[in-house]
N, C-alpha and C. Protein backbone atom coordinates (compact mmCIF):
# COMPACT_ATOMS: atom_id res chain seq x y z
N MET A 1 -31.98 -0.96 24.88
CA MET A 1 -32.70 0.10 25.56
C MET A 1 -34.11 0.22 24.98
N LYS A 2 -35.06 -0.11 25.79
CA LYS A 2 -36.45 -0.10 25.36
C LYS A 2 -37.07 1.28 25.63
N LYS A 3 -37.73 1.82 24.61
CA LYS A 3 -38.43 3.09 24.77
C LYS A 3 -39.76 2.83 25.45
N THR A 4 -40.07 3.70 26.41
CA THR A 4 -41.33 3.63 27.13
C THR A 4 -42.11 4.92 26.89
N GLN A 5 -43.32 4.79 26.41
CA GLN A 5 -44.15 5.97 26.17
C GLN A 5 -44.66 6.49 27.51
N ILE A 6 -44.46 7.79 27.76
CA ILE A 6 -44.96 8.39 29.00
C ILE A 6 -46.07 9.41 28.74
N SER A 7 -46.34 9.69 27.48
CA SER A 7 -47.44 10.59 27.16
C SER A 7 -48.67 9.76 26.79
N SER A 8 -49.81 10.36 26.96
CA SER A 8 -51.08 9.68 26.76
C SER A 8 -51.31 9.34 25.28
N ASN A 9 -52.01 8.23 25.04
CA ASN A 9 -52.43 7.89 23.68
C ASN A 9 -53.45 8.89 23.15
N ALA A 10 -54.08 9.64 24.03
CA ALA A 10 -55.08 10.63 23.63
C ALA A 10 -54.43 11.90 23.08
N THR A 11 -53.11 11.99 23.11
CA THR A 11 -52.42 13.21 22.67
C THR A 11 -52.79 13.57 21.24
N ILE A 12 -52.79 12.61 20.34
CA ILE A 12 -53.09 12.91 18.94
C ILE A 12 -54.52 13.45 18.78
N PHE A 13 -55.46 12.88 19.54
CA PHE A 13 -56.85 13.36 19.52
C PHE A 13 -56.93 14.79 20.07
N LEU A 14 -56.28 15.02 21.22
CA LEU A 14 -56.33 16.34 21.84
C LEU A 14 -55.58 17.39 21.03
N LYS A 15 -54.52 17.00 20.35
CA LYS A 15 -53.69 17.95 19.60
C LYS A 15 -54.31 18.35 18.26
N PHE A 16 -54.99 17.40 17.60
CA PHE A 16 -55.49 17.68 16.25
C PHE A 16 -57.01 17.72 16.14
N ILE A 17 -57.71 16.78 16.75
CA ILE A 17 -59.16 16.66 16.56
C ILE A 17 -59.93 17.72 17.35
N VAL A 18 -59.64 17.85 18.65
CA VAL A 18 -60.37 18.81 19.50
C VAL A 18 -60.25 20.25 18.95
N PRO A 19 -59.04 20.73 18.64
CA PRO A 19 -58.95 22.09 18.09
C PRO A 19 -59.68 22.24 16.75
N SER A 20 -59.59 21.22 15.90
CA SER A 20 -60.26 21.29 14.59
C SER A 20 -61.77 21.42 14.75
N ILE A 21 -62.33 20.60 15.63
CA ILE A 21 -63.78 20.67 15.87
C ILE A 21 -64.17 22.04 16.42
N PHE A 22 -63.39 22.53 17.38
CA PHE A 22 -63.67 23.84 17.98
C PHE A 22 -63.65 24.95 16.93
N TYR A 23 -62.56 25.02 16.15
CA TYR A 23 -62.44 26.09 15.16
C TYR A 23 -63.49 25.98 14.07
N LEU A 24 -63.78 24.76 13.61
CA LEU A 24 -64.81 24.59 12.58
C LEU A 24 -66.19 24.99 13.09
N ALA A 25 -66.53 24.56 14.28
CA ALA A 25 -67.84 24.89 14.85
C ALA A 25 -68.02 26.40 14.97
N PHE A 26 -67.02 27.08 15.50
CA PHE A 26 -67.16 28.53 15.66
C PHE A 26 -67.12 29.26 14.32
N THR A 27 -66.35 28.77 13.39
CA THR A 27 -66.30 29.39 12.06
C THR A 27 -67.65 29.27 11.37
N PHE A 28 -68.27 28.07 11.44
CA PHE A 28 -69.60 27.90 10.85
C PHE A 28 -70.65 28.74 11.58
N ALA A 29 -70.53 28.84 12.89
CA ALA A 29 -71.47 29.66 13.66
C ALA A 29 -71.35 31.13 13.26
N ILE A 30 -70.14 31.60 13.13
CA ILE A 30 -69.93 33.01 12.74
C ILE A 30 -70.45 33.24 11.32
N ALA A 31 -70.16 32.31 10.41
CA ALA A 31 -70.65 32.45 9.03
C ALA A 31 -72.17 32.46 9.00
N GLY A 32 -72.80 31.59 9.79
CA GLY A 32 -74.26 31.57 9.86
C GLY A 32 -74.84 32.86 10.39
N LEU A 33 -74.22 33.41 11.42
CA LEU A 33 -74.70 34.68 11.99
C LEU A 33 -74.55 35.82 10.98
N ILE A 34 -73.45 35.81 10.24
CA ILE A 34 -73.24 36.88 9.25
C ILE A 34 -74.27 36.77 8.13
N THR A 35 -74.53 35.54 7.64
CA THR A 35 -75.51 35.39 6.55
C THR A 35 -76.92 35.76 6.99
N GLU A 36 -77.22 35.65 8.28
CA GLU A 36 -78.53 36.05 8.78
C GLU A 36 -78.57 37.54 9.15
N GLY A 37 -77.45 38.22 8.99
CA GLY A 37 -77.41 39.65 9.28
C GLY A 37 -77.27 39.98 10.75
N LYS A 38 -76.91 39.02 11.56
CA LYS A 38 -76.74 39.24 13.00
C LYS A 38 -75.27 39.54 13.29
N TYR A 39 -74.90 40.78 12.95
CA TYR A 39 -73.49 41.17 13.03
C TYR A 39 -73.00 41.30 14.47
N ALA A 40 -73.87 41.71 15.38
CA ALA A 40 -73.47 41.80 16.80
C ALA A 40 -73.16 40.42 17.35
N GLY A 41 -73.98 39.44 16.99
CA GLY A 41 -73.73 38.07 17.42
C GLY A 41 -72.46 37.51 16.81
N ALA A 42 -72.22 37.85 15.55
CA ALA A 42 -71.00 37.39 14.87
C ALA A 42 -69.77 38.00 15.52
N LEU A 43 -69.88 39.26 15.91
CA LEU A 43 -68.75 39.92 16.59
C LEU A 43 -68.49 39.28 17.95
N SER A 44 -69.55 38.98 18.68
CA SER A 44 -69.40 38.30 19.98
C SER A 44 -68.79 36.92 19.81
N ALA A 45 -69.27 36.17 18.82
CA ALA A 45 -68.74 34.84 18.56
C ALA A 45 -67.28 34.91 18.12
N SER A 46 -66.93 35.95 17.37
CA SER A 46 -65.52 36.13 16.96
C SER A 46 -64.64 36.40 18.17
N PHE A 47 -65.15 37.18 19.11
CA PHE A 47 -64.41 37.46 20.34
C PHE A 47 -64.19 36.17 21.13
N VAL A 48 -65.25 35.36 21.25
CA VAL A 48 -65.15 34.08 21.95
C VAL A 48 -64.16 33.17 21.23
N LEU A 49 -64.20 33.17 19.90
CA LEU A 49 -63.27 32.36 19.11
C LEU A 49 -61.82 32.73 19.41
N VAL A 50 -61.53 34.01 19.49
CA VAL A 50 -60.17 34.45 19.76
C VAL A 50 -59.75 34.08 21.19
N ILE A 51 -60.60 34.37 22.16
CA ILE A 51 -60.25 34.09 23.57
C ILE A 51 -60.09 32.60 23.81
N PHE A 52 -61.09 31.81 23.44
CA PHE A 52 -61.00 30.37 23.65
C PHE A 52 -60.01 29.73 22.70
N GLY A 53 -59.80 30.34 21.54
CA GLY A 53 -58.80 29.84 20.60
C GLY A 53 -57.41 29.89 21.21
N LEU A 54 -57.11 30.96 21.94
CA LEU A 54 -55.81 31.05 22.63
C LEU A 54 -55.69 29.96 23.70
N PHE A 55 -56.77 29.72 24.43
CA PHE A 55 -56.77 28.66 25.43
C PHE A 55 -56.56 27.29 24.77
N ILE A 56 -57.29 27.03 23.68
CA ILE A 56 -57.16 25.76 22.96
C ILE A 56 -55.72 25.58 22.48
N TYR A 57 -55.12 26.65 21.97
CA TYR A 57 -53.74 26.56 21.51
C TYR A 57 -52.81 26.21 22.67
N MET A 58 -52.92 26.96 23.75
CA MET A 58 -52.02 26.76 24.90
C MET A 58 -52.22 25.38 25.54
N ALA A 59 -53.46 24.90 25.59
CA ALA A 59 -53.75 23.65 26.29
C ALA A 59 -53.61 22.41 25.42
N PHE A 60 -53.88 22.51 24.13
CA PHE A 60 -53.95 21.32 23.31
C PHE A 60 -52.98 21.29 22.12
N VAL A 61 -52.92 22.35 21.36
CA VAL A 61 -52.12 22.33 20.13
C VAL A 61 -50.63 22.16 20.43
N ARG A 62 -50.16 22.66 21.54
CA ARG A 62 -48.73 22.56 21.91
C ARG A 62 -48.33 21.19 22.45
N LEU A 63 -49.27 20.27 22.65
CA LEU A 63 -48.96 18.97 23.25
C LEU A 63 -47.96 18.19 22.40
N LYS A 64 -47.11 17.43 23.07
CA LYS A 64 -46.11 16.60 22.42
C LYS A 64 -46.28 15.15 22.83
N HIS A 65 -45.82 14.26 21.98
CA HIS A 65 -45.76 12.83 22.28
C HIS A 65 -44.37 12.58 22.86
N VAL A 66 -44.29 11.96 24.04
CA VAL A 66 -43.02 11.80 24.74
C VAL A 66 -42.79 10.34 25.12
N SER A 67 -41.57 9.87 24.84
CA SER A 67 -41.12 8.54 25.24
C SER A 67 -39.74 8.70 25.88
N ILE A 68 -39.37 7.73 26.71
CA ILE A 68 -38.05 7.76 27.33
C ILE A 68 -37.40 6.38 27.24
N ASP A 69 -36.08 6.38 27.31
CA ASP A 69 -35.34 5.15 27.55
C ASP A 69 -34.37 5.44 28.69
N ASP A 70 -33.33 4.66 28.83
CA ASP A 70 -32.41 4.86 29.96
C ASP A 70 -31.61 6.15 29.88
N GLU A 71 -31.36 6.66 28.67
CA GLU A 71 -30.49 7.81 28.50
C GLU A 71 -31.15 9.04 27.89
N TYR A 72 -32.24 8.85 27.15
CA TYR A 72 -32.80 9.94 26.37
C TYR A 72 -34.30 10.11 26.56
N VAL A 73 -34.74 11.33 26.21
CA VAL A 73 -36.15 11.65 26.11
C VAL A 73 -36.42 11.88 24.63
N PHE A 74 -37.41 11.21 24.08
CA PHE A 74 -37.78 11.35 22.68
C PHE A 74 -39.07 12.17 22.61
N ILE A 75 -39.01 13.29 21.92
CA ILE A 75 -40.14 14.23 21.88
C ILE A 75 -40.57 14.39 20.43
N SER A 76 -41.89 14.26 20.20
CA SER A 76 -42.41 14.35 18.84
C SER A 76 -43.63 15.25 18.80
N ASN A 77 -43.74 15.99 17.69
CA ASN A 77 -44.98 16.72 17.44
C ASN A 77 -45.77 16.04 16.33
N TYR A 78 -45.44 14.77 16.05
CA TYR A 78 -46.03 13.91 15.03
C TYR A 78 -45.52 14.22 13.62
N PHE A 79 -44.71 15.26 13.46
CA PHE A 79 -44.08 15.56 12.18
C PHE A 79 -42.56 15.45 12.29
N LYS A 80 -42.06 15.70 13.49
CA LYS A 80 -40.62 15.70 13.75
C LYS A 80 -40.38 15.13 15.13
N THR A 81 -39.33 14.33 15.28
CA THR A 81 -38.97 13.76 16.57
C THR A 81 -37.54 14.18 16.91
N ILE A 82 -37.34 14.62 18.15
CA ILE A 82 -36.00 14.96 18.60
C ILE A 82 -35.63 14.08 19.78
N LYS A 83 -34.32 13.88 19.96
CA LYS A 83 -33.79 13.05 21.04
C LYS A 83 -32.97 13.97 21.94
N ILE A 84 -33.34 14.04 23.22
CA ILE A 84 -32.68 14.92 24.18
C ILE A 84 -32.12 14.06 25.31
N SER A 85 -30.87 14.28 25.66
CA SER A 85 -30.25 13.56 26.78
C SER A 85 -30.85 14.07 28.09
N PHE A 86 -30.96 13.17 29.07
CA PHE A 86 -31.47 13.57 30.38
C PHE A 86 -30.60 14.67 31.00
N SER A 87 -29.33 14.70 30.66
CA SER A 87 -28.44 15.72 31.22
C SER A 87 -28.78 17.12 30.71
N GLU A 88 -29.55 17.21 29.62
CA GLU A 88 -29.95 18.51 29.07
C GLU A 88 -31.28 19.01 29.63
N LEU A 89 -31.89 18.24 30.53
CA LEU A 89 -33.16 18.66 31.14
C LEU A 89 -32.88 19.51 32.37
N GLU A 90 -33.59 20.61 32.48
CA GLU A 90 -33.45 21.51 33.63
C GLU A 90 -34.36 21.07 34.77
N SER A 91 -35.65 20.88 34.46
CA SER A 91 -36.61 20.50 35.50
C SER A 91 -37.88 19.94 34.86
N VAL A 92 -38.70 19.34 35.71
CA VAL A 92 -39.99 18.79 35.30
C VAL A 92 -41.02 19.26 36.32
N SER A 93 -42.15 19.73 35.84
CA SER A 93 -43.22 20.17 36.74
C SER A 93 -44.56 19.74 36.16
N ASP A 94 -45.58 19.77 36.99
CA ASP A 94 -46.91 19.40 36.51
C ASP A 94 -47.97 20.26 37.14
N LEU A 95 -49.15 20.19 36.56
CA LEU A 95 -50.35 20.79 37.12
C LEU A 95 -51.28 19.63 37.41
N SER A 96 -51.28 19.19 38.65
CA SER A 96 -52.03 18.00 38.99
C SER A 96 -53.44 18.38 39.42
N PHE A 97 -54.40 18.02 38.56
CA PHE A 97 -55.80 18.27 38.87
C PHE A 97 -56.48 17.02 39.40
N GLY A 98 -55.76 15.90 39.41
CA GLY A 98 -56.39 14.62 39.68
C GLY A 98 -57.03 14.14 38.39
N GLY A 99 -57.44 12.92 38.34
CA GLY A 99 -58.05 12.42 37.12
C GLY A 99 -57.03 12.14 36.04
N ASN A 100 -57.49 11.98 34.83
CA ASN A 100 -56.61 11.60 33.74
C ASN A 100 -55.88 12.76 33.09
N TYR A 101 -56.36 13.97 33.21
CA TYR A 101 -55.73 15.10 32.54
C TYR A 101 -54.67 15.71 33.46
N GLN A 102 -53.42 15.35 33.22
CA GLN A 102 -52.32 15.88 34.02
C GLN A 102 -51.26 16.45 33.10
N PRO A 103 -51.31 17.75 32.81
CA PRO A 103 -50.28 18.33 31.95
C PRO A 103 -48.93 18.37 32.68
N ILE A 104 -47.90 17.93 31.99
CA ILE A 104 -46.55 17.90 32.54
C ILE A 104 -45.66 18.75 31.66
N PHE A 105 -44.83 19.56 32.29
CA PHE A 105 -43.92 20.46 31.58
C PHE A 105 -42.48 19.99 31.78
N ILE A 106 -41.75 19.88 30.69
CA ILE A 106 -40.32 19.59 30.76
C ILE A 106 -39.60 20.85 30.31
N HIS A 107 -38.70 21.34 31.17
CA HIS A 107 -37.93 22.55 30.89
C HIS A 107 -36.49 22.13 30.57
N PHE A 108 -35.92 22.73 29.53
CA PHE A 108 -34.59 22.38 29.08
C PHE A 108 -33.56 23.43 29.48
N LYS A 109 -32.30 23.02 29.57
CA LYS A 109 -31.22 23.95 29.91
C LYS A 109 -30.96 24.94 28.77
N LYS A 110 -31.13 24.46 27.53
CA LYS A 110 -30.95 25.34 26.38
C LYS A 110 -32.07 25.10 25.39
N ARG A 111 -32.21 25.99 24.45
CA ARG A 111 -33.29 25.92 23.47
C ARG A 111 -33.15 24.66 22.60
N THR A 112 -34.29 23.99 22.38
CA THR A 112 -34.35 22.84 21.48
C THR A 112 -35.18 23.23 20.26
N ASP A 113 -35.40 22.30 19.36
CA ASP A 113 -36.24 22.57 18.19
C ASP A 113 -37.68 22.90 18.58
N PHE A 114 -38.09 22.48 19.79
CA PHE A 114 -39.44 22.76 20.27
C PHE A 114 -39.46 23.87 21.33
N GLY A 115 -38.37 24.58 21.49
CA GLY A 115 -38.31 25.68 22.44
C GLY A 115 -37.62 25.31 23.74
N TYR A 116 -37.82 26.15 24.75
CA TYR A 116 -37.19 25.95 26.06
C TYR A 116 -37.98 25.00 26.95
N SER A 117 -39.21 24.72 26.59
CA SER A 117 -40.02 23.78 27.37
C SER A 117 -41.07 23.15 26.47
N ILE A 118 -41.56 21.99 26.89
CA ILE A 118 -42.65 21.32 26.18
C ILE A 118 -43.70 20.90 27.19
N ILE A 119 -44.87 20.57 26.67
CA ILE A 119 -45.97 20.11 27.52
C ILE A 119 -46.50 18.79 26.94
N PHE A 120 -46.81 17.86 27.83
CA PHE A 120 -47.46 16.62 27.39
C PHE A 120 -48.43 16.18 28.46
N ILE A 121 -49.30 15.25 28.08
CA ILE A 121 -50.29 14.69 28.99
C ILE A 121 -49.80 13.34 29.46
N ASN A 122 -49.82 13.13 30.76
CA ASN A 122 -49.35 11.90 31.38
C ASN A 122 -50.26 10.72 31.03
N THR A 123 -49.68 9.53 31.00
CA THR A 123 -50.48 8.32 30.82
C THR A 123 -51.00 7.86 32.18
N CYS A 124 -51.88 8.62 32.74
CA CYS A 124 -52.47 8.31 34.04
C CYS A 124 -53.53 7.24 33.86
N THR A 125 -53.45 6.18 34.64
CA THR A 125 -54.38 5.07 34.46
C THR A 125 -55.51 5.05 35.47
N ARG A 126 -55.35 5.69 36.59
CA ARG A 126 -56.39 5.65 37.62
C ARG A 126 -56.77 7.07 38.02
N TYR A 127 -58.04 7.25 38.31
CA TYR A 127 -58.52 8.55 38.77
C TYR A 127 -58.16 8.76 40.24
N PHE A 128 -57.62 9.90 40.55
CA PHE A 128 -57.35 10.35 41.92
C PHE A 128 -56.55 9.35 42.73
N ASN A 129 -55.55 8.73 42.12
CA ASN A 129 -54.68 7.80 42.83
C ASN A 129 -53.42 8.57 43.23
N PHE A 130 -53.43 9.15 44.40
CA PHE A 130 -52.31 9.98 44.83
C PHE A 130 -51.19 9.16 45.46
N SER A 131 -51.38 7.86 45.67
CA SER A 131 -50.33 7.03 46.23
C SER A 131 -49.34 6.58 45.16
N GLU A 132 -49.75 6.58 43.90
CA GLU A 132 -48.90 6.17 42.80
C GLU A 132 -47.86 7.26 42.53
N GLN A 133 -46.58 6.87 42.40
CA GLN A 133 -45.54 7.86 42.13
C GLN A 133 -45.71 8.39 40.72
N SER A 134 -45.74 9.68 40.58
CA SER A 134 -45.99 10.28 39.28
C SER A 134 -44.73 10.26 38.43
N ILE A 135 -44.93 10.35 37.13
CA ILE A 135 -43.80 10.41 36.20
C ILE A 135 -42.99 11.68 36.44
N THR A 136 -43.65 12.73 36.92
CA THR A 136 -42.95 13.97 37.24
C THR A 136 -41.89 13.72 38.30
N LYS A 137 -42.26 13.01 39.34
CA LYS A 137 -41.32 12.72 40.42
C LYS A 137 -40.20 11.80 39.93
N GLU A 138 -40.54 10.80 39.13
CA GLU A 138 -39.52 9.89 38.60
C GLU A 138 -38.51 10.63 37.74
N LEU A 139 -38.99 11.51 36.85
CA LEU A 139 -38.08 12.27 36.00
C LEU A 139 -37.23 13.25 36.81
N SER A 140 -37.83 13.87 37.82
CA SER A 140 -37.09 14.80 38.68
C SER A 140 -35.97 14.09 39.42
N ILE A 141 -36.25 12.89 39.91
CA ILE A 141 -35.21 12.10 40.60
C ILE A 141 -34.10 11.74 39.63
N LYS A 142 -34.46 11.36 38.41
CA LYS A 142 -33.45 11.00 37.40
C LYS A 142 -32.58 12.21 37.06
N ILE A 143 -33.18 13.37 36.88
CA ILE A 143 -32.43 14.60 36.58
C ILE A 143 -31.49 14.93 37.72
N LYS A 144 -31.98 14.83 38.96
CA LYS A 144 -31.16 15.14 40.13
C LYS A 144 -29.98 14.17 40.25
N SER A 145 -30.22 12.89 40.01
CA SER A 145 -29.14 11.91 40.12
C SER A 145 -28.08 12.12 39.04
N ILE A 146 -28.49 12.52 37.85
CA ILE A 146 -27.53 12.80 36.78
C ILE A 146 -26.72 14.04 37.12
N ARG A 147 -27.40 15.06 37.65
CA ARG A 147 -26.73 16.31 38.03
C ARG A 147 -25.68 16.08 39.11
N GLU A 148 -26.00 15.19 40.06
CA GLU A 148 -25.09 14.92 41.17
C GLU A 148 -24.12 13.77 40.88
N GLY A 149 -24.28 13.16 39.69
CA GLY A 149 -23.39 12.07 39.31
C GLY A 149 -23.61 10.79 40.07
N LEU A 150 -24.82 10.59 40.55
CA LEU A 150 -25.13 9.39 41.34
C LEU A 150 -25.73 8.32 40.44
N PRO A 151 -25.54 7.04 40.78
CA PRO A 151 -26.23 6.00 40.04
C PRO A 151 -27.72 6.07 40.34
N GLU A 152 -28.54 5.66 39.37
CA GLU A 152 -30.00 5.77 39.56
C GLU A 152 -30.54 4.69 40.44
């Protein structure tokens, strides 16, 4: 059984590098404003840091590295990897914006070490190619066939 990676190679960059750059830049900006005595600007920048920080967390920090084989889904946060049977998956959904950034959500029947759902970025190779069957549809078909006891 060969494992196939279905999450983007950019996951590690988006999960660790982008948030680090964002938080460091805003932290240095706030520190600079405070040292110059511009407390109103520092307060505004702190507000932006909190608001956009929540967005960065929800969009990037929660990303997982995902691979599949014939029977299991392998999910990693780069520190820990778990193996989940396809029969334990509830559903798969996505937010398709076109282009390379396609967040995909996997929802589980019961709580896993990563919670009731995870998010990953698809390995989309072409921009705006709507004729290509998405991994979301493939996983949904696999879940449905397992649920109904049909061969794939």
